[in-house]
Amino acid sequence: MSVNKEVKRITTHILQEMKASGEKIAMLTAYDYSMATILDDAGLDVLLVGDSASNVMAGHETTLPITLDQMIYHAQGVVRGAKRAFVVVDLPFGSYQGNSKEALNSAIRIMKESGAHGVKLEGGTEVAESISRIITAGIPVMGHLGLTPQSIYKFGTYTVRAKDEDEAEKLKTDAIALQEAGCFAIVLEKIPAKLAKVVSESLQIPTIGIGAGPDCDGQVLVVNDMIGLTKGFKPRFLRQYVNLYDGILGAAQSYIKDVKAKDFPNEKEQY
């Protein structure tokens, strides 16, 4: 793809058209300016400033500790790096569950202070009121159903969700509720592929899958996992496209060797 021609920003309207025409939506997470610049140049449709930054950037075990201020900081860098992609930011745990007014205030802060294009929050019918309120303020909202990592202590495990009939029915109901509340898209995480297909076909808005099979309208992965920066995390749904962990490790070891051997810097590398 030629990067020189005038860049046209992806919008919710374009994402809707992509679903209608059957073109899949490509989405990855990003947490900083450098990565966002690379992913934007590559042609990603959507960049998600995920609360997974809590895990991959800060080393926490769950997504719960990351704060609204920290999410805004990550989002600011991503927005500066993204010229084409639609940038969505996760509302972190505790910034929207209390009530719809708190949810709206959190969403407004993200939009005002980061310049992002939309927010994402987890949950079904129980957050529909908050979603409606945020959308009334003119802020696009992406939903998130299935495995919702902010509820990890309720689930007690990161296993596949909605395998039993009751939970599957609730997920279908929740998906319709999110669409009716005004969401422009919904992430479906770690649910059976057949269920994801049924839900995707029942909705007019796009679905983005992660561990939810091939029939969603788009796919998302955590970029650090996809490029092999994280070590030892290999769930079934992850395809690793490059192993940067070993690449960076090798480069750092070569640098150490050259410094210790007084080989770096050489004559060409000094003034």
C-alpha atoms as a PDB file:
ATOM      1  CA  MET A   1       0.000   0.000   0.000  1.00  0.00           C
ATOM      2  CA  SER A   2       1.312   3.455  -0.880  1.00  0.00           C
ATOM      3  CA  VAL A   3       1.653   5.573   2.231  1.00  0.00           C
ATOM      4  CA  ASN A   4       2.281   8.789   0.278  1.00  0.00           C
ATOM      5  CA  LYS A   5      -1.245   9.430  -0.955  1.00  0.00           C
ATOM      6  CA  GLU A   6      -3.555  11.421   1.271  1.00  0.00           C
ATOM      7  CA  VAL A   7      -4.457   9.359   4.300  1.00  0.00           C
ATOM      8  CA  LYS A   8      -8.162   8.890   4.961  1.00  0.00           C
ATOM      9  CA  ARG A   9      -9.074   8.345   8.612  1.00  0.00           C
ATOM     10  CA  ILE A  10     -11.064   5.206   9.397  1.00  0.00           C
ATOM     11  CA  THR A  11     -14.420   6.062  11.000  1.00  0.00           C
ATOM     12  CA  THR A  12     -17.282   4.107  12.575  1.00  0.00           C
ATOM     13  CA  HIS A  13     -19.137   4.611   9.285  1.00  0.00           C
ATOM     14  CA  ILE A  14     -16.299   2.962   7.324  1.00  0.00           C
ATOM     15  CA  LEU A  15     -16.227   0.038   9.795  1.00  0.00           C
ATOM     16  CA  GLN A  16     -19.974  -0.386   9.260  1.00  0.00           C
ATOM     17  CA  GLU A  17     -19.448  -0.390   5.471  1.00  0.00           C
ATOM     18  CA  MET A  18     -16.691  -3.010   5.862  1.00  0.00           C
ATOM     19  CA  LYS A  19     -19.130  -5.347   7.622  1.00  0.00           C
ATOM     20  CA  ALA A  20     -21.758  -4.747   4.932  1.00  0.00           C
ATOM     21  CA  SER A  21     -19.304  -5.523   2.120  1.00  0.00           C
ATOM     22  CA  GLY A  22     -17.734  -8.503   3.888  1.00  0.00           C
ATOM     23  CA  GLU A  23     -14.283  -6.913   4.278  1.00  0.00           C
ATOM     24  CA  LYS A  24     -12.695  -8.093   7.537  1.00  0.00           C
ATOM     25  CA  ILE A  25     -11.561  -5.494  10.088  1.00  0.00           C
ATOM     26  CA  ALA A  26      -7.934  -5.780  11.274  1.00  0.00           C
ATOM     27  CA  MET A  27      -7.337  -4.543  14.817  1.00  0.00           C
ATOM     28  CA  LEU A  28      -4.350  -4.745  17.174  1.00  0.00           C
ATOM     29  CA  THR A  29      -3.534  -3.226  20.538  1.00  0.00           C
ATOM     30  CA  ALA A  30      -0.997  -0.396  20.868  1.00  0.00           C
ATOM     31  CA  TYR A  31       0.301   1.357  23.955  1.00  0.00           C
ATOM     32  CA  ASP A  32       2.872   3.907  22.756  1.00  0.00           C
ATOM     33  CA  TYR A  33       3.783   6.290  19.939  1.00  0.00           C
ATOM     34  CA  SER A  34       6.509   4.159  18.300  1.00  0.00           C
ATOM     35  CA  MET A  35       4.357   1.041  18.014  1.00  0.00           C
ATOM     36  CA  ALA A  36       1.306   3.029  16.893  1.00  0.00           C
ATOM     37  CA  THR A  37       3.358   4.630  14.087  1.00  0.00           C
ATOM     38  CA  ILE A  38       4.492   1.222  12.800  1.00  0.00           C
ATOM     39  CA  LEU A  39       1.032  -0.360  13.011  1.00  0.00           C
ATOM     40  CA  ASP A  40      -0.589   2.670  11.369  1.00  0.00           C
ATOM     41  CA  ASP A  41       1.949   2.541   8.514  1.00  0.00           C
ATOM     42  CA  ALA A  42       1.151  -1.176   8.136  1.00  0.00           C
ATOM     43  CA  GLY A  43      -2.492  -0.279   7.487  1.00  0.00           C
ATOM     44  CA  LEU A  44      -4.337  -1.455  10.617  1.00  0.00           C
ATOM     45  CA  ASP A  45      -7.993  -0.379  10.621  1.00  0.00           C
ATOM     46  CA  VAL A  46      -8.366  -0.028  14.397  1.00  0.00           C
ATOM     47  CA  LEU A  47      -5.827   0.421  17.199  1.00  0.00           C
ATOM     48  CA  LEU A  48      -7.010  -0.498  20.679  1.00  0.00           C
ATOM     49  CA  VAL A  49      -5.299   1.126  23.630  1.00  0.00           C
ATOM     50  CA  GLY A  50      -6.117  -1.877  25.769  1.00  0.00           C
ATOM     51  CA  ASP A  51      -6.134  -2.124  29.539  1.00  0.00           C
ATOM     52  CA  SER A  52      -3.913  -5.131  28.739  1.00  0.00           C
ATOM     53  CA  ALA A  53      -1.215  -2.431  29.138  1.00  0.00           C
ATOM     54  CA  SER A  54      -1.606  -3.373  32.810  1.00  0.00           C
ATOM     55  CA  ASN A  55      -0.155  -6.803  31.945  1.00  0.00           C
ATOM     56  CA  VAL A  56       2.281  -6.239  29.085  1.00  0.00           C
ATOM     57  CA  MET A  57       3.530  -2.723  29.897  1.00  0.00           C
ATOM     58  CA  ALA A  58       3.346  -2.661  33.710  1.00  0.00           C
ATOM     59  CA  GLY A  59       3.780  -6.351  34.605  1.00  0.00           C
ATOM     60  CA  HIS A  60       0.578  -6.748  36.623  1.00  0.00           C
ATOM     61  CA  GLU A  61      -1.114 -10.145  36.812  1.00  0.00           C
ATOM     62  CA  THR A  62      -4.537  -8.725  35.863  1.00  0.00           C
ATOM     63  CA  THR A  63      -5.962  -5.673  34.067  1.00  0.00           C
ATOM     64  CA  LEU A  64      -7.511  -4.356  37.302  1.00  0.00           C
ATOM     65  CA  PRO A  65      -4.693  -2.118  38.675  1.00  0.00           C
ATOM     66  CA  ILE A  66      -4.340   0.238  35.682  1.00  0.00           C
ATOM     67  CA  THR A  67      -5.809   3.707  36.293  1.00  0.00           C
ATOM     68  CA  LEU A  68      -7.714   6.154  34.107  1.00  0.00           C
ATOM     69  CA  ASP A  69      -4.721   8.550  34.193  1.00  0.00           C
ATOM     70  CA  GLN A  70      -2.408   5.769  32.985  1.00  0.00           C
ATOM     71  CA  MET A  71      -4.822   4.785  30.198  1.00  0.00           C
ATOM     72  CA  ILE A  72      -4.951   8.413  29.042  1.00  0.00           C
ATOM     73  CA  TYR A  73      -1.130   8.590  29.047  1.00  0.00           C
ATOM     74  CA  HIS A  74      -0.869   5.501  26.826  1.00  0.00           C
ATOM     75  CA  ALA A  75      -3.669   6.772  24.568  1.00  0.00           C
ATOM     76  CA  GLN A  76      -1.993  10.161  24.015  1.00  0.00           C
ATOM     77  CA  GLY A  77       1.074   8.494  22.488  1.00  0.00           C
ATOM     78  CA  VAL A  78      -0.983   6.158  20.314  1.00  0.00           C
ATOM     79  CA  VAL A  79      -3.161   8.996  18.961  1.00  0.00           C
ATOM     80  CA  ARG A  80      -0.028  10.986  18.012  1.00  0.00           C
ATOM     81  CA  GLY A  81       1.277   7.985  16.072  1.00  0.00           C
ATOM     82  CA  ALA A  82      -1.951   7.004  14.288  1.00  0.00           C
ATOM     83  CA  LYS A  83      -2.737   9.008  11.158  1.00  0.00           C
ATOM     84  CA  ARG A  84      -5.222   6.553   9.598  1.00  0.00           C
ATOM     85  CA  ALA A  85      -6.375   4.018  12.175  1.00  0.00           C
ATOM     86  CA  PHE A  86      -9.436   4.503  14.372  1.00  0.00           C
ATOM     87  CA  VAL A  87      -8.165   4.657  17.980  1.00  0.00           C
ATOM     88  CA  VAL A  88     -10.306   3.076  20.721  1.00  0.00           C
ATOM     89  CA  VAL A  89      -9.381   3.288  24.417  1.00  0.00           C
ATOM     90  CA  ASP A  90     -10.447   0.884  27.169  1.00  0.00           C
ATOM     91  CA  LEU A  91     -12.270   2.382  30.124  1.00  0.00           C
ATOM     92  CA  PRO A  92     -10.301   0.767  32.976  1.00  0.00           C
ATOM     93  CA  PHE A  93     -11.768  -1.181  35.873  1.00  0.00           C
ATOM     94  CA  GLY A  94     -13.476   1.113  38.390  1.00  0.00           C
ATOM     95  CA  SER A  95     -13.925   4.043  36.004  1.00  0.00           C
ATOM     96  CA  TYR A  96     -17.450   3.180  34.806  1.00  0.00           C
ATOM     97  CA  GLN A  97     -19.001   0.393  36.903  1.00  0.00           C
ATOM     98  CA  GLY A  98     -20.245   2.704  39.695  1.00  0.00           C
ATOM     99  CA  ASN A  99     -22.893   4.600  37.730  1.00  0.00           C
ATOM    100  CA  SER A 100     -23.575   6.072  34.312  1.00  0.00           C
ATOM    101  CA  LYS A 101     -22.483   9.584  35.367  1.00  0.00           C
ATOM    102  CA  GLU A 102     -19.057   8.273  36.400  1.00  0.00           C
ATOM    103  CA  ALA A 103     -18.854   6.309  33.132  1.00  0.00           C
ATOM    104  CA  LEU A 104     -19.636   9.453  31.125  1.00  0.00           C
ATOM    105  CA  ASN A 105     -17.056  11.531  33.023  1.00  0.00           C
ATOM    106  CA  SER A 106     -14.365   8.886  32.433  1.00  0.00           C
ATOM    107  CA  ALA A 107     -15.192   8.699  28.716  1.00  0.00           C
ATOM    108  CA  ILE A 108     -15.139  12.492  28.378  1.00  0.00           C
ATOM    109  CA  ARG A 109     -11.713  12.659  30.050  1.00  0.00           C
ATOM    110  CA  ILE A 110     -10.321  10.060  27.648  1.00  0.00           C
ATOM    111  CA  MET A 111     -11.674  11.882  24.583  1.00  0.00           C
ATOM    112  CA  LYS A 112     -10.623  15.367  25.731  1.00  0.00           C
ATOM    113  CA  GLU A 113      -7.190  14.513  27.094  1.00  0.00           C
ATOM    114  CA  SER A 114      -6.035  11.917  24.547  1.00  0.00           C
ATOM    115  CA  GLY A 115      -7.799  12.867  21.311  1.00  0.00           C
ATOM    116  CA  ALA A 116      -8.938   9.251  20.827  1.00  0.00           C
ATOM    117  CA  HIS A 117     -11.909   8.413  18.596  1.00  0.00           C
ATOM    118  CA  GLY A 118     -13.917   6.114  20.862  1.00  0.00           C
ATOM    119  CA  VAL A 119     -13.966   4.095  24.082  1.00  0.00           C
ATOM    120  CA  LYS A 120     -14.496   0.418  24.908  1.00  0.00           C
ATOM    121  CA  LEU A 121     -16.056  -1.061  28.022  1.00  0.00           C
ATOM    122  CA  GLU A 122     -16.867  -4.558  29.229  1.00  0.00           C
ATOM    123  CA  GLY A 123     -20.290  -5.998  30.048  1.00  0.00           C
ATOM    124  CA  GLY A 124     -23.817  -6.522  28.748  1.00  0.00           C
ATOM    125  CA  THR A 125     -27.237  -5.292  29.831  1.00  0.00           C
ATOM    126  CA  GLU A 126     -25.825  -4.105  33.171  1.00  0.00           C
ATOM    127  CA  VAL A 127     -23.769  -1.380  31.428  1.00  0.00           C
ATOM    128  CA  ALA A 128     -26.317  -0.505  28.714  1.00  0.00           C
ATOM    129  CA  GLU A 129     -27.414   2.639  30.563  1.00  0.00           C
ATOM    130  CA  SER A 130     -23.828   3.879  30.820  1.00  0.00           C
ATOM    131  CA  ILE A 131     -23.275   3.165  27.116  1.00  0.00           C
ATOM    132  CA  SER A 132     -26.399   5.129  26.128  1.00  0.00           C
ATOM    133  CA  ARG A 133     -25.303   8.054  28.248  1.00  0.00           C
ATOM    134  CA  ILE A 134     -21.779   8.124  26.780  1.00  0.00           C
ATOM    135  CA  ILE A 135     -23.175   7.923  23.231  1.00  0.00           C
ATOM    136  CA  THR A 136     -25.623  10.756  23.945  1.00  0.00           C
ATOM    137  CA  ALA A 137     -22.525  12.902  24.566  1.00  0.00           C
ATOM    138  CA  GLY A 138     -21.343  12.055  21.036  1.00  0.00           C
ATOM    139  CA  ILE A 139     -18.692   9.511  22.033  1.00  0.00           C
ATOM    140  CA  PRO A 140     -18.551   6.236  20.033  1.00  0.00           C
ATOM    141  CA  VAL A 141     -18.610   3.098  22.213  1.00  0.00           C
ATOM    142  CA  MET A 142     -17.316  -0.408  21.464  1.00  0.00           C
ATOM    143  CA  GLY A 143     -18.761  -3.207  23.604  1.00  0.00           C
ATOM    144  CA  HIS A 144     -16.960  -6.295  24.937  1.00  0.00           C
ATOM    145  CA  LEU A 145     -18.619  -9.655  25.724  1.00  0.00           C
ATOM    146  CA  GLY A 146     -17.543 -13.208  26.489  1.00  0.00           C
ATOM    147  CA  LEU A 147     -14.377 -13.384  28.565  1.00  0.00           C
ATOM    148  CA  THR A 148     -14.260  -9.952  30.190  1.00  0.00           C
ATOM    149  CA  PRO A 149     -10.839  -9.808  31.918  1.00  0.00           C
ATOM    150  CA  GLN A 150     -11.923  -7.084  34.388  1.00  0.00           C
ATOM    151  CA  SER A 151     -14.295  -9.688  35.897  1.00  0.00           C
ATOM    152  CA  ILE A 152     -11.539 -12.292  36.288  1.00  0.00           C
ATOM    153  CA  TYR A 153     -12.119 -12.743  40.008  1.00  0.00           C
ATOM    154  CA  LYS A 154     -15.819 -13.388  39.393  1.00  0.00           C
ATOM    155  CA  PHE A 155     -15.023 -16.037  36.728  1.00  0.00           C
ATOM    156  CA  GLY A 156     -12.011 -17.378  38.638  1.00  0.00           C
ATOM    157  CA  THR A 157     -10.365 -18.496  35.390  1.00  0.00           C
ATOM    158  CA  TYR A 158      -9.455 -17.282  31.890  1.00  0.00           C
ATOM    159  CA  THR A 159     -11.201 -20.278  30.294  1.00  0.00           C
ATOM    160  CA  VAL A 160     -13.629 -20.181  27.336  1.00  0.00           C
ATOM    161  CA  ARG A 161     -16.938 -18.465  28.147  1.00  0.00           C
ATOM    162  CA  ALA A 162     -20.549 -19.198  27.091  1.00  0.00           C
ATOM    163  CA  LYS A 163     -20.103 -22.922  26.508  1.00  0.00           C
ATOM    164  CA  ASP A 164     -23.305 -23.731  28.420  1.00  0.00           C
ATOM    165  CA  GLU A 165     -26.741 -22.868  27.065  1.00  0.00           C
ATOM    166  CA  ASP A 166     -27.680 -20.286  29.723  1.00  0.00           C
ATOM    167  CA  GLU A 167     -24.534 -18.236  29.331  1.00  0.00           C
ATOM    168  CA  ALA A 168     -24.761 -18.470  25.530  1.00  0.00           C
ATOM    169  CA  GLU A 169     -28.354 -17.165  25.608  1.00  0.00           C
ATOM    170  CA  LYS A 170     -27.351 -14.304  27.917  1.00  0.00           C
ATOM    171  CA  LEU A 171     -24.508 -13.397  25.557  1.00  0.00           C
ATOM    172  CA  LYS A 172     -26.920 -13.254  22.592  1.00  0.00           C
ATOM    173  CA  THR A 173     -29.295 -11.050  24.608  1.00  0.00           C
ATOM    174  CA  ASP A 174     -26.412  -8.834  25.761  1.00  0.00           C
ATOM    175  CA  ALA A 175     -25.151  -8.408  22.180  1.00  0.00           C
ATOM    176  CA  ILE A 176     -28.568  -7.163  21.010  1.00  0.00           C
ATOM    177  CA  ALA A 177     -28.801  -4.886  24.079  1.00  0.00           C
ATOM    178  CA  LEU A 178     -25.396  -3.349  23.292  1.00  0.00           C
ATOM    179  CA  GLN A 179     -26.432  -2.764  19.677  1.00  0.00           C
ATOM    180  CA  GLU A 180     -29.686  -1.142  20.820  1.00  0.00           C
ATOM    181  CA  ALA A 181     -27.781   1.002  23.338  1.00  0.00           C
ATOM    182  CA  GLY A 182     -25.826   2.364  20.361  1.00  0.00           C
ATOM    183  CA  CYS A 183     -22.470   0.518  20.295  1.00  0.00           C
ATOM    184  CA  PHE A 184     -20.706   0.780  16.918  1.00  0.00           C
ATOM    185  CA  ALA A 185     -18.980  -2.627  17.360  1.00  0.00           C
ATOM    186  CA  ILE A 186     -18.561  -5.442  19.909  1.00  0.00           C
ATOM    187  CA  VAL A 187     -15.462  -7.448  20.856  1.00  0.00           C
ATOM    188  CA  LEU A 188     -16.237 -11.149  21.412  1.00  0.00           C
ATOM    189  CA  GLU A 189     -13.513 -12.761  23.509  1.00  0.00           C
ATOM    190  CA  LYS A 190     -12.878 -16.482  23.955  1.00  0.00           C
ATOM    191  CA  ILE A 191     -16.296 -17.896  23.107  1.00  0.00           C
ATOM    192  CA  PRO A 192     -17.162 -20.927  20.922  1.00  0.00           C
ATOM    193  CA  ALA A 193     -16.766 -20.171  17.203  1.00  0.00           C
ATOM    194  CA  LYS A 194     -20.327 -21.363  16.423  1.00  0.00           C
ATOM    195  CA  LEU A 195     -21.804 -18.939  18.957  1.00  0.00           C
ATOM    196  CA  ALA A 196     -19.673 -16.071  17.596  1.00  0.00           C
ATOM    197  CA  LYS A 197     -20.993 -16.839  14.098  1.00  0.00           C
ATOM    198  CA  VAL A 198     -24.629 -16.764  15.271  1.00  0.00           C
ATOM    199  CA  VAL A 199     -24.086 -13.481  17.167  1.00  0.00           C
ATOM    200  CA  SER A 200     -22.191 -11.839  14.281  1.00  0.00           C
ATOM    201  CA  GLU A 201     -24.959 -12.739  11.837  1.00  0.00           C
ATOM    202  CA  SER A 202     -27.683 -11.481  14.213  1.00  0.00           C
ATOM    203  CA  LEU A 203     -26.133  -8.020  14.526  1.00  0.00           C
ATOM    204  CA  GLN A 204     -26.015  -5.078  12.129  1.00  0.00           C
ATOM    205  CA  ILE A 205     -22.858  -3.747  13.821  1.00  0.00           C
ATOM    206  CA  PRO A 206     -19.419  -5.376  13.378  1.00  0.00           C
ATOM    207  CA  THR A 207     -18.044  -7.983  15.785  1.00  0.00           C
ATOM    208  CA  ILE A 208     -14.313  -8.224  16.493  1.00  0.00           C
ATOM    209  CA  GLY A 209     -13.140 -11.632  17.662  1.00  0.00           C
ATOM    210  CA  ILE A 210     -10.275 -12.729  19.876  1.00  0.00           C
ATOM    211  CA  GLY A 211     -10.381 -16.485  20.291  1.00  0.00           C
ATOM    212  CA  ALA A 212     -13.892 -16.443  18.793  1.00  0.00           C
ATOM    213  CA  GLY A 213     -13.343 -18.155  15.425  1.00  0.00           C
ATOM    214  CA  PRO A 214     -13.259 -16.930  11.810  1.00  0.00           C
ATOM    215  CA  ASP A 215     -16.835 -15.684  11.389  1.00  0.00           C
ATOM    216  CA  CYS A 216     -16.531 -12.426  13.340  1.00  0.00           C
ATOM    217  CA  ASP A 217     -16.370  -9.286  11.191  1.00  0.00           C
ATOM    218  CA  GLY A 218     -12.809  -8.600  12.350  1.00  0.00           C
ATOM    219  CA  GLN A 219     -10.013  -9.887  14.561  1.00  0.00           C
ATOM    220  CA  VAL A 220      -7.905  -8.403  17.372  1.00  0.00           C
ATOM    221  CA  LEU A 221      -4.776  -9.600  19.171  1.00  0.00           C
ATOM    222  CA  VAL A 222      -2.499  -8.087  21.808  1.00  0.00           C
ATOM    223  CA  VAL A 223       0.386  -6.799  19.681  1.00  0.00           C
ATOM    224  CA  ASN A 224       3.074  -7.843  22.195  1.00  0.00           C
ATOM    225  CA  ASP A 225       1.837 -11.442  21.925  1.00  0.00           C
ATOM    226  CA  MET A 226       1.488 -11.320  18.118  1.00  0.00           C
ATOM    227  CA  ILE A 227       5.077 -10.122  17.614  1.00  0.00           C
ATOM    228  CA  GLY A 228       6.533 -12.457  20.235  1.00  0.00           C
ATOM    229  CA  LEU A 229       7.605  -9.857  22.816  1.00  0.00           C
ATOM    230  CA  THR A 230       5.876 -11.780  25.597  1.00  0.00           C
ATOM    231  CA  LYS A 231       7.461 -15.065  26.621  1.00  0.00           C
ATOM    232  CA  GLY A 232       5.568 -18.242  27.418  1.00  0.00           C
ATOM    233  CA  PHE A 233       2.047 -16.932  26.655  1.00  0.00           C
ATOM    234  CA  LYS A 234       0.715 -19.193  23.889  1.00  0.00           C
ATOM    235  CA  PRO A 235      -3.068 -19.613  23.994  1.00  0.00           C
ATOM    236  CA  ARG A 236      -4.693 -21.561  21.179  1.00  0.00           C
ATOM    237  CA  PHE A 237      -6.102 -18.413  19.509  1.00  0.00           C
ATOM    238  CA  LEU A 238      -2.717 -16.669  19.223  1.00  0.00           C
ATOM    239  CA  ARG A 239      -0.745 -16.724  15.972  1.00  0.00           C
ATOM    240  CA  GLN A 240       2.766 -15.376  16.548  1.00  0.00           C
ATOM    241  CA  TYR A 241       4.047 -13.696  13.377  1.00  0.00           C
ATOM    242  CA  VAL A 242       7.615 -12.932  14.502  1.00  0.00           C
ATOM    243  CA  ASN A 243       9.743 -13.750  17.556  1.00  0.00           C
ATOM    244  CA  LEU A 244      11.022 -10.380  18.783  1.00  0.00           C
ATOM    245  CA  TYR A 245      11.831 -11.701  22.254  1.00  0.00           C
ATOM    246  CA  ASP A 246      14.732 -13.780  20.916  1.00  0.00           C
ATOM    247  CA  GLY A 247      15.687 -11.059  18.410  1.00  0.00           C
ATOM    248  CA  ILE A 248      15.998  -8.343  21.070  1.00  0.00           C
ATOM    249  CA  LEU A 249      17.635 -10.740  23.532  1.00  0.00           C
ATOM    250  CA  GLY A 250      20.301 -11.592  20.924  1.00  0.00           C
ATOM    251  CA  ALA A 251      20.867  -7.924  20.060  1.00  0.00           C
ATOM    252  CA  ALA A 252      21.287  -6.984  23.734  1.00  0.00           C
ATOM    253  CA  GLN A 253      23.723  -9.858  24.273  1.00  0.00           C
ATOM    254  CA  SER A 254      25.774  -8.774  21.234  1.00  0.00           C
ATOM    255  CA  TYR A 255      25.825  -5.189  22.548  1.00  0.00           C
ATOM    256  CA  ILE A 256      27.045  -6.367  25.985  1.00  0.00           C
ATOM    257  CA  LYS A 257      29.755  -8.461  24.319  1.00  0.00           C
ATOM    258  CA  ASP A 258      30.955  -5.542  22.164  1.00  0.00           C
ATOM    259  CA  VAL A 259      31.006  -3.102  25.124  1.00  0.00           C
ATOM    260  CA  LYS A 260      32.909  -5.545  27.345  1.00  0.00           C
ATOM    261  CA  ALA A 261      35.397  -6.313  24.540  1.00  0.00           C
ATOM    262  CA  LYS A 262      35.910  -2.545  23.950  1.00  0.00           C
ATOM    263  CA  ASP A 263      34.729  -3.085  20.385  1.00  0.00           C
ATOM    264  CA  PHE A 264      31.901  -0.532  20.711  1.00  0.00           C
ATOM    265  CA  PRO A 265      32.173   2.298  19.897  1.00  0.00           C
ATOM    266  CA  ASN A 266      34.717   1.887  17.104  1.00  0.00           C
ATOM    267  CA  GLU A 267      36.507   4.691  15.209  1.00  0.00           C
ATOM    268  CA  LYS A 268      33.562   5.324  12.888  1.00  0.00           C
ATOM    269  CA  GLU A 269      31.233   5.617  15.892  1.00  0.00           C
ATOM    270  CA  GLN A 270      33.013   8.469  17.665  1.00  0.00           C
ATOM    271  CA  TYR A 271      33.555  12.197  17.108  1.00  0.00           C
END
